[in-house]
Amino acid sequence: MKKLLVVFDKKNSKDIAIDEDDITLRSFLDFFIRLSKFDVDIYIARDFDCNVNGNTYLANFIFDPSKNDFAKYDKTIVPDVIWDRCITNLFPTPNGDIDCINTFEFKQIDSNKYFQYKILKDKMPYSFVLTDIKSAIKSLENIEASEVIVKPINGYGGKGIVKMTKEELVKSEALFEKYGQYLCQEFLDINLGIKGLVSGPHDIRLYSTNNKIIRSYIRMPKKGGFLANLSQGGELNEIEIDQVPSNIVEFALPIINM
């Protein structure tokens, strides 16, 4: 049997195998049920600092496929694969004896919106790091839209994101004290929707593996909002891959094939 260790970094949740919202939890359980049919034992570590020594890690839970649930474990294992699900920490990539999903190098990019922008700047709206009012005024000259999005460089789940006018951005010194490590990005108006799929504000997401799109869905913000994250009250509708407009696929393929 192969051993998969899934590592989370919420130390205050050691009594819960997966401390997530119902939709995310169901997704994990569905994946683990399917994976367990391929002779894989699935373990959960609820501590970022779970490495005991070398290739040995402390697992807090084990998935029981007969009950489709988790059982307390609290024993050491030597995993074949580590799936890094840490959010607030950059879990160190194991040595070459253990495969890692979400390597340290990948997480450095995934957790930093400015790194992402530097790699994909020709595919993204103009963005800059907020440092002070003087430099912001200069950078705002490159933005044609009247509104901007200010978001934490290392944020996730739509937390801390605000929308404001360019005038509002430069009026207050206190704003930079709060958002000094944030990314400012030109706001894209997506109120028109996609004919036949969605009306009003939305975002569309594509999942790929081996340079092939395998899944797609549309997210919509709650009424009166602009954040489509589920954690911020948004809704999600999965769509068939052949429903994705061709211009969106053409736009995404160069990124998928990087």
C-alpha atoms as a PDB file:
ATOM      1  CA  MET A   1       0.000   0.000   0.000  1.00  0.00           C
ATOM      2  CA  LYS A   2       1.197   3.470  -0.872  1.00  0.00           C
ATOM      3  CA  LYS A   3       0.973   6.140   1.832  1.00  0.00           C
ATOM      4  CA  LEU A   4      -0.313   9.653   1.139  1.00  0.00           C
ATOM      5  CA  LEU A   5       0.152  12.278   3.867  1.00  0.00           C
ATOM      6  CA  VAL A   6      -1.992  15.416   3.577  1.00  0.00           C
ATOM      7  CA  VAL A   7      -0.530  18.259   5.659  1.00  0.00           C
ATOM      8  CA  PHE A   8      -2.578  21.171   7.028  1.00  0.00           C
ATOM      9  CA  ASP A   9      -1.195  24.019   9.107  1.00  0.00           C
ATOM     10  CA  LYS A  10      -4.078  24.918  11.418  1.00  0.00           C
ATOM     11  CA  LYS A  11      -2.573  23.884  14.728  1.00  0.00           C
ATOM     12  CA  ASN A  12      -5.702  24.727  16.689  1.00  0.00           C
ATOM     13  CA  SER A  13      -7.665  22.065  14.824  1.00  0.00           C
ATOM     14  CA  LYS A  14      -5.849  18.888  15.849  1.00  0.00           C
ATOM     15  CA  ASP A  15      -9.101  17.270  16.978  1.00  0.00           C
ATOM     16  CA  ILE A  16     -10.639  17.679  13.511  1.00  0.00           C
ATOM     17  CA  ALA A  17      -9.197  15.882  10.501  1.00  0.00           C
ATOM     18  CA  ILE A  18     -10.355  18.472   7.944  1.00  0.00           C
ATOM     19  CA  ASP A  19     -11.564  21.781   9.357  1.00  0.00           C
ATOM     20  CA  GLU A  20     -13.194  23.240   6.245  1.00  0.00           C
ATOM     21  CA  ASP A  21     -16.615  24.369   5.011  1.00  0.00           C
ATOM     22  CA  ASP A  22     -19.127  21.671   4.009  1.00  0.00           C
ATOM     23  CA  ILE A  23     -18.502  21.975   0.260  1.00  0.00           C
ATOM     24  CA  THR A  24     -14.719  21.674   0.640  1.00  0.00           C
ATOM     25  CA  LEU A  25     -15.064  18.808   3.109  1.00  0.00           C
ATOM     26  CA  ARG A  26     -17.329  16.874   0.733  1.00  0.00           C
ATOM     27  CA  SER A  27     -14.799  17.412  -2.067  1.00  0.00           C
ATOM     28  CA  PHE A  28     -11.987  15.996   0.067  1.00  0.00           C
ATOM     29  CA  LEU A  29     -14.079  12.986   1.145  1.00  0.00           C
ATOM     30  CA  ASP A  30     -15.152  12.243  -2.438  1.00  0.00           C
ATOM     31  CA  PHE A  31     -11.519  12.364  -3.577  1.00  0.00           C
ATOM     32  CA  PHE A  32     -10.295  10.164  -0.711  1.00  0.00           C
ATOM     33  CA  ILE A  33     -13.048   7.597  -1.321  1.00  0.00           C
ATOM     34  CA  ARG A  34     -12.011   7.332  -4.969  1.00  0.00           C
ATOM     35  CA  LEU A  35      -8.299   7.284  -4.171  1.00  0.00           C
ATOM     36  CA  SER A  36      -8.596   4.554  -1.520  1.00  0.00           C
ATOM     37  CA  LYS A  37      -9.781   2.152  -4.230  1.00  0.00           C
ATOM     38  CA  PHE A  38      -6.263   2.287  -5.701  1.00  0.00           C
ATOM     39  CA  ASP A  39      -4.537   0.735  -2.665  1.00  0.00           C
ATOM     40  CA  VAL A  40      -3.590   4.038  -1.087  1.00  0.00           C
ATOM     41  CA  ASP A  41      -3.639   4.694   2.656  1.00  0.00           C
ATOM     42  CA  ILE A  42      -4.501   8.334   3.363  1.00  0.00           C
ATOM     43  CA  TYR A  43      -3.210  10.130   6.444  1.00  0.00           C
ATOM     44  CA  ILE A  44      -3.789  13.658   7.768  1.00  0.00           C
ATOM     45  CA  ALA A  45      -1.248  15.786   9.638  1.00  0.00           C
ATOM     46  CA  ARG A  46      -2.771  18.769  11.446  1.00  0.00           C
ATOM     47  CA  ASP A  47       0.515  20.475  12.209  1.00  0.00           C
ATOM     48  CA  PHE A  48       2.880  22.332   9.897  1.00  0.00           C
ATOM     49  CA  ASP A  49       5.788  21.090  12.033  1.00  0.00           C
ATOM     50  CA  CYS A  50       4.958  17.397  11.597  1.00  0.00           C
ATOM     51  CA  ASN A  51       8.357  16.172  10.420  1.00  0.00           C
ATOM     52  CA  VAL A  52       9.895  14.006  13.180  1.00  0.00           C
ATOM     53  CA  ASN A  53      13.195  13.355  11.420  1.00  0.00           C
ATOM     54  CA  GLY A  54      14.360  12.474   7.934  1.00  0.00           C
ATOM     55  CA  ASN A  55      11.470  10.899   6.042  1.00  0.00           C
ATOM     56  CA  THR A  56       9.398  10.240   9.170  1.00  0.00           C
ATOM     57  CA  TYR A  57       6.262  12.316   9.846  1.00  0.00           C
ATOM     58  CA  LEU A  58       3.612  12.364  12.566  1.00  0.00           C
ATOM     59  CA  ALA A  59       0.122  11.636  11.215  1.00  0.00           C
ATOM     60  CA  ASN A  60      -2.854  12.657  13.361  1.00  0.00           C
ATOM     61  CA  PHE A  61      -5.604  10.859  11.419  1.00  0.00           C
ATOM     62  CA  ILE A  62      -6.079   7.993   8.986  1.00  0.00           C
ATOM     63  CA  PHE A  63      -8.915   7.739   6.467  1.00  0.00           C
ATOM     64  CA  ASP A  64     -11.162   4.696   6.998  1.00  0.00           C
ATOM     65  CA  PRO A  65     -12.761   3.794   3.627  1.00  0.00           C
ATOM     66  CA  SER A  66     -15.152   1.321   5.275  1.00  0.00           C
ATOM     67  CA  LYS A  67     -16.768   4.235   7.136  1.00  0.00           C
ATOM     68  CA  ASN A  68     -15.907   7.034   4.689  1.00  0.00           C
ATOM     69  CA  ASP A  69     -14.560   8.927   7.673  1.00  0.00           C
ATOM     70  CA  PHE A  70     -11.386   9.632   9.627  1.00  0.00           C
ATOM     71  CA  ALA A  71     -10.045   7.823  12.699  1.00  0.00           C
ATOM     72  CA  LYS A  72      -7.594   9.212  15.229  1.00  0.00           C
ATOM     73  CA  TYR A  73      -4.088   7.879  14.556  1.00  0.00           C
ATOM     74  CA  ASP A  74      -1.252   9.910  16.149  1.00  0.00           C
ATOM     75  CA  LYS A  75       1.565   7.656  14.922  1.00  0.00           C
ATOM     76  CA  THR A  76       4.623   8.179  12.756  1.00  0.00           C
ATOM     77  CA  ILE A  77       4.738   7.097   9.133  1.00  0.00           C
ATOM     78  CA  VAL A  78       7.104   7.255   6.185  1.00  0.00           C
ATOM     79  CA  PRO A  79       4.890   8.554   3.357  1.00  0.00           C
ATOM     80  CA  ASP A  80       5.408   7.917  -0.331  1.00  0.00           C
ATOM     81  CA  VAL A  81       3.739  11.214  -1.258  1.00  0.00           C
ATOM     82  CA  ILE A  82       3.083  14.436   0.689  1.00  0.00           C
ATOM     83  CA  TRP A  83       0.230  16.706  -0.370  1.00  0.00           C
ATOM     84  CA  ASP A  84       0.939  20.159   1.039  1.00  0.00           C
ATOM     85  CA  ARG A  85      -2.333  21.892   1.944  1.00  0.00           C
ATOM     86  CA  CYS A  86      -0.726  24.485   4.206  1.00  0.00           C
ATOM     87  CA  ILE A  87      -2.001  28.003   3.635  1.00  0.00           C
ATOM     88  CA  THR A  88      -0.206  30.323   6.022  1.00  0.00           C
ATOM     89  CA  ASN A  89       3.131  28.499   5.911  1.00  0.00           C
ATOM     90  CA  LEU A  90       5.484  27.366   3.167  1.00  0.00           C
ATOM     91  CA  PHE A  91       5.872  23.680   3.953  1.00  0.00           C
ATOM     92  CA  PRO A  92       9.446  22.581   3.150  1.00  0.00           C
ATOM     93  CA  THR A  93       9.708  20.268   0.167  1.00  0.00           C
ATOM     94  CA  PRO A  94      10.822  16.775   1.301  1.00  0.00           C
ATOM     95  CA  ASN A  95      14.015  15.265  -0.040  1.00  0.00           C
ATOM     96  CA  GLY A  96      14.075  13.275  -3.243  1.00  0.00           C
ATOM     97  CA  ASP A  97      12.814  10.064  -1.623  1.00  0.00           C
ATOM     98  CA  ILE A  98       9.295  11.511  -1.180  1.00  0.00           C
ATOM     99  CA  ASP A  99       7.198  13.000  -3.953  1.00  0.00           C
ATOM    100  CA  CYS A 100       5.474  16.282  -3.085  1.00  0.00           C
ATOM    101  CA  ILE A 101       2.300  17.839  -4.460  1.00  0.00           C
ATOM    102  CA  ASN A 102       2.614  21.636  -4.157  1.00  0.00           C
ATOM    103  CA  THR A 103       6.355  21.949  -3.764  1.00  0.00           C
ATOM    104  CA  PHE A 104       8.043  24.731  -1.816  1.00  0.00           C
ATOM    105  CA  GLU A 105       8.996  26.449  -5.070  1.00  0.00           C
ATOM    106  CA  PHE A 106       5.438  26.235  -6.397  1.00  0.00           C
ATOM    107  CA  LYS A 107       3.950  27.507  -3.127  1.00  0.00           C
ATOM    108  CA  GLN A 108       6.255  30.540  -3.192  1.00  0.00           C
ATOM    109  CA  ILE A 109       4.560  31.545  -6.439  1.00  0.00           C
ATOM    110  CA  ASP A 110       1.076  30.368  -5.468  1.00  0.00           C
ATOM    111  CA  SER A 111       1.112  32.313  -2.186  1.00  0.00           C
ATOM    112  CA  ASN A 112       2.409  35.595  -3.609  1.00  0.00           C
ATOM    113  CA  LYS A 113       0.175  37.548  -5.970  1.00  0.00           C
ATOM    114  CA  TYR A 114       3.028  39.799  -7.093  1.00  0.00           C
ATOM    115  CA  PHE A 115       5.141  36.786  -8.128  1.00  0.00           C
ATOM    116  CA  GLN A 116       2.141  35.581 -10.126  1.00  0.00           C
ATOM    117  CA  TYR A 117       1.818  38.967 -11.789  1.00  0.00           C
ATOM    118  CA  LYS A 118       5.501  39.055 -12.771  1.00  0.00           C
ATOM    119  CA  ILE A 119       5.104  35.682 -14.495  1.00  0.00           C
ATOM    120  CA  LEU A 120       1.724  36.394 -16.131  1.00  0.00           C
ATOM    121  CA  LYS A 121       1.781  40.186 -16.509  1.00  0.00           C
ATOM    122  CA  ASP A 122       0.910  40.015 -20.215  1.00  0.00           C
ATOM    123  CA  LYS A 123      -2.257  38.072 -19.242  1.00  0.00           C
ATOM    124  CA  MET A 124      -3.302  40.169 -16.249  1.00  0.00           C
ATOM    125  CA  PRO A 125      -4.545  43.728 -15.677  1.00  0.00           C
ATOM    126  CA  TYR A 126      -1.853  46.252 -14.757  1.00  0.00           C
ATOM    127  CA  SER A 127      -0.792  45.815 -11.116  1.00  0.00           C
ATOM    128  CA  PHE A 128       1.704  47.357  -8.698  1.00  0.00           C
ATOM    129  CA  VAL A 129       2.720  46.977  -5.060  1.00  0.00           C
ATOM    130  CA  LEU A 130       1.418  49.667  -2.712  1.00  0.00           C
ATOM    131  CA  THR A 131       4.280  51.373  -0.891  1.00  0.00           C
ATOM    132  CA  ASP A 132       3.508  55.098  -0.570  1.00  0.00           C
ATOM    133  CA  ILE A 133       1.148  57.717  -1.972  1.00  0.00           C
ATOM    134  CA  LYS A 134       3.731  59.371  -4.244  1.00  0.00           C
ATOM    135  CA  SER A 135       4.637  56.179  -6.092  1.00  0.00           C
ATOM    136  CA  ALA A 136       0.982  55.111  -6.176  1.00  0.00           C
ATOM    137  CA  ILE A 137      -0.042  58.343  -7.927  1.00  0.00           C
ATOM    138  CA  LYS A 138       2.632  57.708 -10.567  1.00  0.00           C
ATOM    139  CA  SER A 139       1.609  54.055 -11.040  1.00  0.00           C
ATOM    140  CA  LEU A 140      -2.096  54.955 -11.261  1.00  0.00           C
ATOM    141  CA  GLU A 141      -1.325  56.896 -14.450  1.00  0.00           C
ATOM    142  CA  ASN A 142      -1.048  53.480 -16.144  1.00  0.00           C
ATOM    143  CA  ILE A 143      -4.625  52.549 -15.174  1.00  0.00           C
ATOM    144  CA  GLU A 144      -7.457  53.753 -17.411  1.00  0.00           C
ATOM    145  CA  ALA A 145     -10.327  52.428 -15.293  1.00  0.00           C
ATOM    146  CA  SER A 146     -11.744  54.656 -12.564  1.00  0.00           C
ATOM    147  CA  GLU A 147     -11.694  51.862  -9.976  1.00  0.00           C
ATOM    148  CA  VAL A 148      -8.978  49.584  -8.616  1.00  0.00           C
ATOM    149  CA  ILE A 149      -8.805  46.427  -6.533  1.00  0.00           C
ATOM    150  CA  VAL A 150      -6.524  46.343  -3.496  1.00  0.00           C
ATOM    151  CA  LYS A 151      -5.673  42.830  -2.316  1.00  0.00           C
ATOM    152  CA  PRO A 152      -3.212  41.250   0.138  1.00  0.00           C
ATOM    153  CA  ILE A 153      -0.128  39.985  -1.655  1.00  0.00           C
ATOM    154  CA  ASN A 154      -0.226  36.785   0.419  1.00  0.00           C
ATOM    155  CA  GLY A 155      -3.989  36.587   0.941  1.00  0.00           C
ATOM    156  CA  TYR A 156      -6.488  33.892   0.016  1.00  0.00           C
ATOM    157  CA  GLY A 157     -10.237  33.255   0.060  1.00  0.00           C
ATOM    158  CA  GLY A 158     -11.117  36.838  -0.839  1.00  0.00           C
ATOM    159  CA  LYS A 159     -10.043  38.055   2.593  1.00  0.00           C
ATOM    160  CA  GLY A 160      -8.942  41.688   2.881  1.00  0.00           C
ATOM    161  CA  ILE A 161      -9.813  42.590  -0.726  1.00  0.00           C
ATOM    162  CA  VAL A 162     -11.401  46.003  -1.287  1.00  0.00           C
ATOM    163  CA  LYS A 163     -12.603  47.926  -4.334  1.00  0.00           C
ATOM    164  CA  MET A 164     -12.210  51.716  -4.471  1.00  0.00           C
ATOM    165  CA  THR A 165     -11.771  54.627  -6.830  1.00  0.00           C
ATOM    166  CA  LYS A 166      -8.309  55.899  -7.682  1.00  0.00           C
ATOM    167  CA  GLU A 167      -9.152  59.124  -5.871  1.00  0.00           C
ATOM    168  CA  GLU A 168     -10.017  57.222  -2.696  1.00  0.00           C
ATOM    169  CA  LEU A 169      -6.736  55.340  -2.899  1.00  0.00           C
ATOM    170  CA  VAL A 170      -4.553  58.432  -2.712  1.00  0.00           C
ATOM    171  CA  LYS A 171      -6.518  60.482  -0.175  1.00  0.00           C
ATOM    172  CA  SER A 172      -5.439  58.867   3.057  1.00  0.00           C
ATOM    173  CA  GLU A 173      -2.037  58.136   4.550  1.00  0.00           C
ATOM    174  CA  ALA A 174      -3.766  55.707   6.921  1.00  0.00           C
ATOM    175  CA  LEU A 175      -4.765  53.606   3.923  1.00  0.00           C
ATOM    176  CA  PHE A 176      -1.124  52.866   3.177  1.00  0.00           C
ATOM    177  CA  GLU A 177      -0.432  51.976   6.778  1.00  0.00           C
ATOM    178  CA  LYS A 178      -3.073  49.275   6.480  1.00  0.00           C
ATOM    179  CA  TYR A 179      -2.495  48.155   2.896  1.00  0.00           C
ATOM    180  CA  GLY A 180       1.227  48.808   2.513  1.00  0.00           C
ATOM    181  CA  GLN A 181       1.950  45.178   1.624  1.00  0.00           C
ATOM    182  CA  TYR A 182      -0.928  44.918  -0.783  1.00  0.00           C
ATOM    183  CA  LEU A 183      -1.193  44.686  -4.548  1.00  0.00           C
ATOM    184  CA  CYS A 184      -3.169  47.340  -6.409  1.00  0.00           C
ATOM    185  CA  GLN A 185      -4.758  46.117  -9.630  1.00  0.00           C
ATOM    186  CA  GLU A 186      -6.885  47.683 -12.348  1.00  0.00           C
ATOM    187  CA  PHE A 187     -10.535  46.703 -11.852  1.00  0.00           C
ATOM    188  CA  LEU A 188     -12.051  44.734 -14.718  1.00  0.00           C
ATOM    189  CA  ASP A 189     -15.776  45.267 -15.224  1.00  0.00           C
ATOM    190  CA  ILE A 190     -17.338  41.847 -15.834  1.00  0.00           C
ATOM    191  CA  ASN A 191     -21.002  42.810 -15.370  1.00  0.00           C
ATOM    192  CA  LEU A 192     -21.954  41.790 -18.918  1.00  0.00           C
ATOM    193  CA  GLY A 193     -21.645  38.076 -18.145  1.00  0.00           C
ATOM    194  CA  ILE A 194     -21.314  35.319 -20.749  1.00  0.00           C
ATOM    195  CA  LYS A 195     -24.226  34.749 -23.116  1.00  0.00           C
ATOM    196  CA  GLY A 196     -26.005  31.489 -22.368  1.00  0.00           C
ATOM    197  CA  LEU A 197     -23.944  30.794 -19.245  1.00  0.00           C
ATOM    198  CA  VAL A 198     -24.160  33.644 -16.742  1.00  0.00           C
ATOM    199  CA  SER A 199     -25.528  37.166 -16.473  1.00  0.00           C
ATOM    200  CA  GLY A 200     -23.874  39.767 -14.316  1.00  0.00           C
ATOM    201  CA  PRO A 201     -20.580  39.689 -12.374  1.00  0.00           C
ATOM    202  CA  HIS A 202     -18.691  36.403 -12.414  1.00  0.00           C
ATOM    203  CA  ASP A 203     -15.382  34.690 -12.854  1.00  0.00           C
ATOM    204  CA  ILE A 204     -14.681  31.507 -14.763  1.00  0.00           C
ATOM    205  CA  ARG A 205     -12.091  28.978 -13.676  1.00  0.00           C
ATOM    206  CA  LEU A 206     -10.395  26.231 -15.651  1.00  0.00           C
ATOM    207  CA  TYR A 207      -8.555  23.235 -14.197  1.00  0.00           C
ATOM    208  CA  SER A 208      -5.920  21.432 -16.218  1.00  0.00           C
ATOM    209  CA  THR A 209      -3.572  18.496 -15.956  1.00  0.00           C
ATOM    210  CA  ASN A 210      -0.965  17.323 -18.454  1.00  0.00           C
ATOM    211  CA  ASN A 211      -1.688  20.410 -20.601  1.00  0.00           C
ATOM    212  CA  LYS A 212      -5.376  19.504 -20.924  1.00  0.00           C
ATOM    213  CA  ILE A 213      -8.421  21.277 -19.492  1.00  0.00           C
ATOM    214  CA  ILE A 214     -10.314  18.766 -17.364  1.00  0.00           C
ATOM    215  CA  ARG A 215     -12.839  20.871 -15.431  1.00  0.00           C
ATOM    216  CA  SER A 216     -14.457  24.288 -15.481  1.00  0.00           C
ATOM    217  CA  TYR A 217     -16.875  26.281 -13.378  1.00  0.00           C
ATOM    218  CA  ILE A 218     -18.316  29.754 -12.994  1.00  0.00           C
ATOM    219  CA  ARG A 219     -18.402  31.658  -9.702  1.00  0.00           C
ATOM    220  CA  MET A 220     -20.789  34.527  -8.994  1.00  0.00           C
ATOM    221  CA  PRO A 221     -20.693  37.004  -6.092  1.00  0.00           C
ATOM    222  CA  LYS A 222     -23.632  37.461  -3.770  1.00  0.00           C
ATOM    223  CA  LYS A 223     -26.105  40.196  -4.700  1.00  0.00           C
ATOM    224  CA  GLY A 224     -24.492  43.613  -4.422  1.00  0.00           C
ATOM    225  CA  GLY A 225     -21.007  42.167  -3.944  1.00  0.00           C
ATOM    226  CA  PHE A 226     -17.966  41.808  -6.188  1.00  0.00           C
ATOM    227  CA  LEU A 227     -16.135  38.844  -4.591  1.00  0.00           C
ATOM    228  CA  ALA A 228     -17.083  35.474  -6.058  1.00  0.00           C
ATOM    229  CA  ASN A 229     -15.261  33.377  -3.424  1.00  0.00           C
ATOM    230  CA  LEU A 230     -17.521  30.816  -1.744  1.00  0.00           C
ATOM    231  CA  SER A 231     -16.101  31.911   1.603  1.00  0.00           C
ATOM    232  CA  GLN A 232     -17.376  35.418   0.832  1.00  0.00           C
ATOM    233  CA  GLY A 233     -20.906  34.277   0.014  1.00  0.00           C
ATOM    234  CA  GLY A 234     -20.420  33.542  -3.689  1.00  0.00           C
ATOM    235  CA  GLU A 235     -22.084  30.764  -5.705  1.00  0.00           C
ATOM    236  CA  LEU A 236     -20.494  28.115  -7.927  1.00  0.00           C
ATOM    237  CA  ASN A 237     -21.895  26.374 -11.012  1.00  0.00           C
ATOM    238  CA  GLU A 238     -19.902  23.695 -12.777  1.00  0.00           C
ATOM    239  CA  ILE A 239     -20.093  23.799 -16.567  1.00  0.00           C
ATOM    240  CA  GLU A 240     -19.105  21.359 -19.273  1.00  0.00           C
ATOM    241  CA  ILE A 241     -15.745  21.977 -20.869  1.00  0.00           C
ATOM    242  CA  ASP A 242     -17.313  22.375 -24.317  1.00  0.00           C
ATOM    243  CA  GLN A 243     -19.454  25.204 -22.902  1.00  0.00           C
ATOM    244  CA  VAL A 244     -16.400  27.335 -22.199  1.00  0.00           C
ATOM    245  CA  PRO A 245     -16.228  30.071 -24.875  1.00  0.00           C
ATOM    246  CA  SER A 246     -13.474  29.410 -27.409  1.00  0.00           C
ATOM    247  CA  ASN A 247     -11.838  32.802 -26.841  1.00  0.00           C
ATOM    248  CA  ILE A 248     -11.384  31.939 -23.153  1.00  0.00           C
ATOM    249  CA  VAL A 249      -9.823  28.579 -24.021  1.00  0.00           C
ATOM    250  CA  GLU A 250      -7.478  30.258 -26.523  1.00  0.00           C
ATOM    251  CA  PHE A 251      -6.502  32.798 -23.879  1.00  0.00           C
ATOM    252  CA  ALA A 252      -5.795  30.097 -21.275  1.00  0.00           C
ATOM    253  CA  LEU A 253      -3.903  27.539 -23.370  1.00  0.00           C
ATOM    254  CA  PRO A 254      -0.548  29.399 -23.434  1.00  0.00           C
ATOM    255  CA  ILE A 255      -0.680  29.577 -19.629  1.00  0.00           C
ATOM    256  CA  ILE A 256      -1.622  25.913 -19.306  1.00  0.00           C
ATOM    257  CA  ASN A 257       1.269  24.946 -21.575  1.00  0.00           C
ATOM    258  CA  MET A 258       3.916  27.000 -19.721  1.00  0.00           C
END
